[in-house]
Protein backbone atom coordinates (compact mmCIF):
# COMPACT_ATOMS: atom_id res chain seq x y z
CA MET A 1 0.00 0.00 0.00
CA THR A 2 1.22 3.46 -0.78
CA LEU A 3 0.46 6.23 1.67
CA LYS A 4 1.08 9.88 0.89
CA LEU A 5 1.38 12.30 3.79
CA GLU A 6 1.62 16.06 3.79
CA ILE A 7 3.77 17.15 6.73
CA SER A 8 5.27 20.45 7.75
CA ARG A 9 8.82 21.32 6.77
CA GLU A 10 9.74 21.40 10.45
CA LEU A 11 8.51 17.84 11.01
CA GLU A 12 10.24 16.68 7.85
CA LYS A 13 13.48 18.23 9.08
CA GLU A 14 13.11 16.57 12.50
CA LEU A 15 12.42 13.18 10.95
CA SER A 16 15.29 13.57 8.49
CA THR A 17 17.67 14.44 11.32
CA GLU A 18 16.57 11.42 13.36
CA ALA A 19 16.82 9.16 10.31
CA SER A 20 20.33 10.33 9.49
CA LYS A 21 21.44 9.73 13.11
CA LEU A 22 20.35 6.11 12.64
CA GLY A 23 21.82 5.90 9.16
CA LEU A 24 18.43 5.28 7.59
CA PRO A 25 16.71 6.82 4.59
CA LEU A 26 13.77 8.99 5.62
CA PRO A 27 11.09 6.64 4.19
CA ASP A 28 12.56 3.67 6.10
CA TYR A 29 12.71 5.66 9.32
CA ALA A 30 9.15 6.93 8.90
CA LEU A 31 7.96 3.36 8.34
CA ARG A 32 9.82 2.24 11.47
CA VAL A 33 8.12 4.99 13.50
CA LEU A 34 4.73 3.95 12.16
CA VAL A 35 5.34 0.24 12.79
CA THR A 36 6.55 0.70 16.35
CA ARG A 37 4.10 3.52 16.99
CA GLN A 38 6.66 5.32 19.05
CA VAL A 39 9.35 7.88 18.46
CA PRO A 40 12.56 7.42 20.44
CA ALA A 41 12.76 10.09 23.15
CA ALA A 42 16.50 10.39 22.75
CA MET A 43 19.36 8.41 21.35
CA PRO A 44 21.26 6.35 23.93
CA LYS A 45 24.32 8.28 25.09
CA THR A 46 26.01 5.74 27.37
CA GLY A 47 26.57 2.01 27.30
CA LYS A 48 24.01 1.61 30.06
CA ASP A 49 21.44 3.59 28.05
CA LEU A 50 22.14 1.44 25.01
CA ALA A 51 21.79 -1.81 26.95
CA THR A 52 18.50 -0.59 28.44
CA TYR A 53 17.27 0.39 24.96
CA TRP A 54 18.18 -3.05 23.61
CA GLN A 55 16.35 -4.74 26.48
CA ASP A 56 13.28 -2.55 25.99
CA GLU A 57 13.24 -3.35 22.27
CA GLY A 58 13.50 -7.10 22.94
CA LEU A 59 16.90 -7.46 21.31
CA VAL A 60 18.71 -8.95 24.31
CA GLY A 61 18.50 -12.71 23.97
CA SER A 62 17.08 -12.53 20.45
CA ARG A 63 19.92 -14.66 19.02
CA PRO A 64 19.75 -17.95 20.96
CA GLU A 65 22.10 -19.62 18.46
CA ILE A 66 24.95 -17.46 19.82
CA THR A 67 26.00 -19.36 22.91
CA ASP A 68 29.35 -17.63 23.47
CA SER A 69 28.99 -13.90 22.82
CA VAL A 70 32.67 -13.13 23.40
CA GLU A 71 33.79 -15.71 20.84
CA HIS A 72 31.12 -14.54 18.41
CA ALA A 73 32.41 -10.95 18.73
CA ARG A 74 35.97 -12.14 18.14
CA SER A 75 34.85 -14.04 15.06
CA LEU A 76 33.09 -10.96 13.68
CA ARG A 77 36.21 -8.89 14.27
CA ARG A 78 38.48 -11.46 12.56
CA ASN A 79 36.16 -11.54 9.56
CA ALA A 80 36.02 -7.74 9.40
CA GLU A 81 39.82 -7.49 9.51
CA LYS A 82 40.09 -9.84 6.52
CA ARG A 83 37.63 -7.84 4.40
CA ALA A 84 38.98 -5.99 1.41
CA ARG A 85 38.68 -2.22 1.70
CA ALA A 86 36.99 -0.28 -1.06
């Protein structure tokens, strides 16, 4: 379904700013806001804030196949170091 919305320039600017902070295109961010029906109050600023955000969003424990998170992180880092740079 296609939905066309007319919004103020100020709201568009706010949404664009929030989308760019998350590295998302504006349409993807707007869809995310509509799907979750909430707008993040503020971006996490500390590790504790980030962990709390992840817990609130149901991300903690969402990958049961990863039994050793430290080894998984090391594996990701090794793979990243072997990647060719553009």
